[in-house]
Amino acid sequence: MSRTLRVTATAAADITEVLARSEGEFGPSASGRFARLIAVAFDQLRAGEPPGGLARKELGPGVRTFHLRLCPVGGGASDRIRTPRHLIAYRAEARSVVVLRLLHERMDLPRQIPPVEEET
């Protein structure tokens, strides 16, 4: 059974910023590949717990992370992001997933995850 997926406003802003930066630095083709990678990761979250998803108790109750480098994307080498550096922070329940943030792996994660009451 597929779970519903909700993206918080903060996570949507993260995605917009990352794709804009990707396009500015690497061009529209790279930004498109990155968008497809995020879409595949969201599909995996909807389908169930993705391989490599980690419980992150230090980030809050029920918070998990999934690094985009673990996300399988088909196609040839030109269709892939060579070294993804971002991860998705999320909370998952039996029937739903809430995407909290899309963050660079070097960020101080505990400072970036919103408290439960800010998820609207």
C-alpha atoms as a PDB file:
ATOM      1  CA  MET A   1       0.000   0.000   0.000  1.00  0.00           C
ATOM      2  CA  SER A   2       1.315   3.408  -0.970  1.00  0.00           C
ATOM      3  CA  ARG A   3       1.591   6.070   1.715  1.00  0.00           C
ATOM      4  CA  THR A   4       0.591   9.687   1.185  1.00  0.00           C
ATOM      5  CA  LEU A   5       3.463  12.145   1.061  1.00  0.00           C
ATOM      6  CA  ARG A   6       3.319  15.699   2.354  1.00  0.00           C
ATOM      7  CA  VAL A   7       6.116  18.199   1.842  1.00  0.00           C
ATOM      8  CA  THR A   8       6.354  20.961   4.447  1.00  0.00           C
ATOM      9  CA  ALA A   9       6.701  24.561   3.277  1.00  0.00           C
ATOM     10  CA  THR A  10      10.267  24.558   4.592  1.00  0.00           C
ATOM     11  CA  ALA A  11      11.149  21.448   2.595  1.00  0.00           C
ATOM     12  CA  ALA A  12       9.519  22.895  -0.539  1.00  0.00           C
ATOM     13  CA  ALA A  13      11.666  26.024  -0.129  1.00  0.00           C
ATOM     14  CA  ASP A  14      14.758  23.811   0.300  1.00  0.00           C
ATOM     15  CA  ILE A  15      13.950  21.981  -2.934  1.00  0.00           C
ATOM     16  CA  THR A  16      13.389  25.215  -4.852  1.00  0.00           C
ATOM     17  CA  GLU A  17      16.666  26.639  -3.576  1.00  0.00           C
ATOM     18  CA  VAL A  18      18.685  23.489  -4.316  1.00  0.00           C
ATOM     19  CA  LEU A  19      17.302  23.182  -7.856  1.00  0.00           C
ATOM     20  CA  ALA A  20      17.925  26.868  -8.575  1.00  0.00           C
ATOM     21  CA  ARG A  21      21.487  26.601  -7.280  1.00  0.00           C
ATOM     22  CA  SER A  22      22.017  23.428  -9.315  1.00  0.00           C
ATOM     23  CA  GLU A  23      20.793  25.152 -12.459  1.00  0.00           C
ATOM     24  CA  GLY A  24      22.958  28.208 -11.800  1.00  0.00           C
ATOM     25  CA  GLU A  25      26.116  26.205 -11.156  1.00  0.00           C
ATOM     26  CA  PHE A  26      25.687  23.218 -13.465  1.00  0.00           C
ATOM     27  CA  GLY A  27      22.966  24.141 -15.967  1.00  0.00           C
ATOM     28  CA  PRO A  28      19.354  23.174 -16.626  1.00  0.00           C
ATOM     29  CA  SER A  29      20.193  19.576 -17.503  1.00  0.00           C
ATOM     30  CA  ALA A  30      21.788  18.987 -14.102  1.00  0.00           C
ATOM     31  CA  SER A  31      18.875  20.657 -12.353  1.00  0.00           C
ATOM     32  CA  GLY A  32      16.481  18.359 -14.220  1.00  0.00           C
ATOM     33  CA  ARG A  33      18.487  15.301 -13.188  1.00  0.00           C
ATOM     34  CA  PHE A  34      18.436  16.465  -9.590  1.00  0.00           C
ATOM     35  CA  ALA A  35      14.651  17.004  -9.738  1.00  0.00           C
ATOM     36  CA  ARG A  36      14.217  13.459 -11.079  1.00  0.00           C
ATOM     37  CA  LEU A  37      16.416  12.090  -8.286  1.00  0.00           C
ATOM     38  CA  ILE A  38      14.258  13.837  -5.674  1.00  0.00           C
ATOM     39  CA  ALA A  39      11.097  12.494  -7.342  1.00  0.00           C
ATOM     40  CA  VAL A  40      12.456   8.925  -7.241  1.00  0.00           C
ATOM     41  CA  ALA A  41      13.382   9.367  -3.571  1.00  0.00           C
ATOM     42  CA  PHE A  42       9.839  10.572  -2.829  1.00  0.00           C
ATOM     43  CA  ASP A  43       8.457   7.528  -4.649  1.00  0.00           C
ATOM     44  CA  GLN A  44      10.602   5.305  -2.430  1.00  0.00           C
ATOM     45  CA  LEU A  45       9.328   7.051   0.700  1.00  0.00           C
ATOM     46  CA  ARG A  46       5.734   6.568  -0.468  1.00  0.00           C
ATOM     47  CA  ALA A  47       6.356   2.862  -1.115  1.00  0.00           C
ATOM     48  CA  GLY A  48       7.764   2.139   2.349  1.00  0.00           C
ATOM     49  CA  GLU A  49      10.965   2.491   4.269  1.00  0.00           C
ATOM     50  CA  PRO A  50      13.777   2.946   1.735  1.00  0.00           C
ATOM     51  CA  PRO A  51      16.953   0.893   2.112  1.00  0.00           C
ATOM     52  CA  GLY A  52      19.414   3.039   4.014  1.00  0.00           C
ATOM     53  CA  GLY A  53      16.797   5.175   5.792  1.00  0.00           C
ATOM     54  CA  LEU A  54      18.107   5.919   9.279  1.00  0.00           C
ATOM     55  CA  ALA A  55      16.293   6.609  12.541  1.00  0.00           C
ATOM     56  CA  ARG A  56      17.659   9.897  13.905  1.00  0.00           C
ATOM     57  CA  LYS A  57      16.472  10.183  17.505  1.00  0.00           C
ATOM     58  CA  GLU A  58      18.838  13.105  18.072  1.00  0.00           C
ATOM     59  CA  LEU A  59      16.799  15.109  15.544  1.00  0.00           C
ATOM     60  CA  GLY A  60      13.449  14.557  17.220  1.00  0.00           C
ATOM     61  CA  PRO A  61      10.813  11.907  17.776  1.00  0.00           C
ATOM     62  CA  GLY A  62      10.253   9.772  14.711  1.00  0.00           C
ATOM     63  CA  VAL A  63      12.685  11.711  12.502  1.00  0.00           C
ATOM     64  CA  ARG A  64      14.526   9.670   9.894  1.00  0.00           C
ATOM     65  CA  THR A  65      16.953  10.581   7.119  1.00  0.00           C
ATOM     66  CA  PHE A  66      17.493   9.136   3.669  1.00  0.00           C
ATOM     67  CA  HIS A  67      20.614  10.178   1.750  1.00  0.00           C
ATOM     68  CA  LEU A  68      20.045  10.746  -1.962  1.00  0.00           C
ATOM     69  CA  ARG A  69      23.245   8.864  -2.817  1.00  0.00           C
ATOM     70  CA  LEU A  70      21.341   5.688  -1.818  1.00  0.00           C
ATOM     71  CA  CYS A  71      18.509   6.389  -4.231  1.00  0.00           C
ATOM     72  CA  PRO A  72      18.612   4.180  -7.332  1.00  0.00           C
ATOM     73  CA  VAL A  73      18.098   6.086 -10.560  1.00  0.00           C
ATOM     74  CA  GLY A  74      18.017   4.233 -13.860  1.00  0.00           C
ATOM     75  CA  GLY A  75      19.405   5.395 -17.148  1.00  0.00           C
ATOM     76  CA  GLY A  76      22.918   6.006 -18.320  1.00  0.00           C
ATOM     77  CA  ALA A  77      25.685   7.948 -16.623  1.00  0.00           C
ATOM     78  CA  SER A  78      24.479  11.171 -18.241  1.00  0.00           C
ATOM     79  CA  ASP A  79      21.081  10.715 -16.510  1.00  0.00           C
ATOM     80  CA  ARG A  80      22.508  10.598 -12.993  1.00  0.00           C
ATOM     81  CA  ILE A  81      23.816  12.957 -10.374  1.00  0.00           C
ATOM     82  CA  ARG A  82      27.338  11.648  -9.883  1.00  0.00           C
ATOM     83  CA  THR A  83      27.763  12.438  -6.188  1.00  0.00           C
ATOM     84  CA  PRO A  84      24.557  13.591  -4.486  1.00  0.00           C
ATOM     85  CA  ARG A  85      25.326  15.503  -1.299  1.00  0.00           C
ATOM     86  CA  HIS A  86      21.812  15.963   0.067  1.00  0.00           C
ATOM     87  CA  LEU A  87      19.529  14.015   2.335  1.00  0.00           C
ATOM     88  CA  ILE A  88      15.843  14.055   3.077  1.00  0.00           C
ATOM     89  CA  ALA A  89      14.711  14.436   6.685  1.00  0.00           C
ATOM     90  CA  TYR A  90      11.242  12.964   7.213  1.00  0.00           C
ATOM     91  CA  ARG A  91       8.754  11.392   9.594  1.00  0.00           C
ATOM     92  CA  ALA A  92       6.954   8.244   8.499  1.00  0.00           C
ATOM     93  CA  GLU A  93       3.825   6.611   9.786  1.00  0.00           C
ATOM     94  CA  ALA A  94       1.888   3.616   8.536  1.00  0.00           C
ATOM     95  CA  ARG A  95      -0.089   5.632   5.981  1.00  0.00           C
ATOM     96  CA  SER A  96       1.832   8.859   5.516  1.00  0.00           C
ATOM     97  CA  VAL A  97       5.235  10.469   5.197  1.00  0.00           C
ATOM     98  CA  VAL A  98       6.039  14.081   6.037  1.00  0.00           C
ATOM     99  CA  VAL A  99       9.125  15.500   4.338  1.00  0.00           C
ATOM    100  CA  LEU A 100      10.640  17.967   6.797  1.00  0.00           C
ATOM    101  CA  ARG A 101      13.734  19.197   4.950  1.00  0.00           C
ATOM    102  CA  LEU A 102      16.102  18.587   2.036  1.00  0.00           C
ATOM    103  CA  LEU A 103      19.533  19.346   3.480  1.00  0.00           C
ATOM    104  CA  HIS A 104      23.162  19.270   2.433  1.00  0.00           C
ATOM    105  CA  GLU A 105      25.054  16.491   4.211  1.00  0.00           C
ATOM    106  CA  ARG A 106      27.461  18.970   5.825  1.00  0.00           C
ATOM    107  CA  MET A 107      24.770  21.008   7.570  1.00  0.00           C
ATOM    108  CA  ASP A 108      24.358  20.902  11.325  1.00  0.00           C
ATOM    109  CA  LEU A 109      21.228  18.745  11.169  1.00  0.00           C
ATOM    110  CA  PRO A 110      19.935  19.287  14.728  1.00  0.00           C
ATOM    111  CA  ARG A 111      19.729  23.037  14.031  1.00  0.00           C
ATOM    112  CA  GLN A 112      17.826  22.507  10.765  1.00  0.00           C
ATOM    113  CA  ILE A 113      14.958  20.182  11.700  1.00  0.00           C
ATOM    114  CA  PRO A 114      11.794  22.034  12.759  1.00  0.00           C
ATOM    115  CA  PRO A 115      10.085  21.059  15.995  1.00  0.00           C
ATOM    116  CA  VAL A 116       6.952  18.948  15.637  1.00  0.00           C
ATOM    117  CA  GLU A 117       4.601  21.908  16.193  1.00  0.00           C
ATOM    118  CA  GLU A 118       6.087  23.814  13.206  1.00  0.00           C
ATOM    119  CA  GLU A 119       5.046  21.170  10.643  1.00  0.00           C
ATOM    120  CA  THR A 120       2.152  22.836   8.863  1.00  0.00           C
END
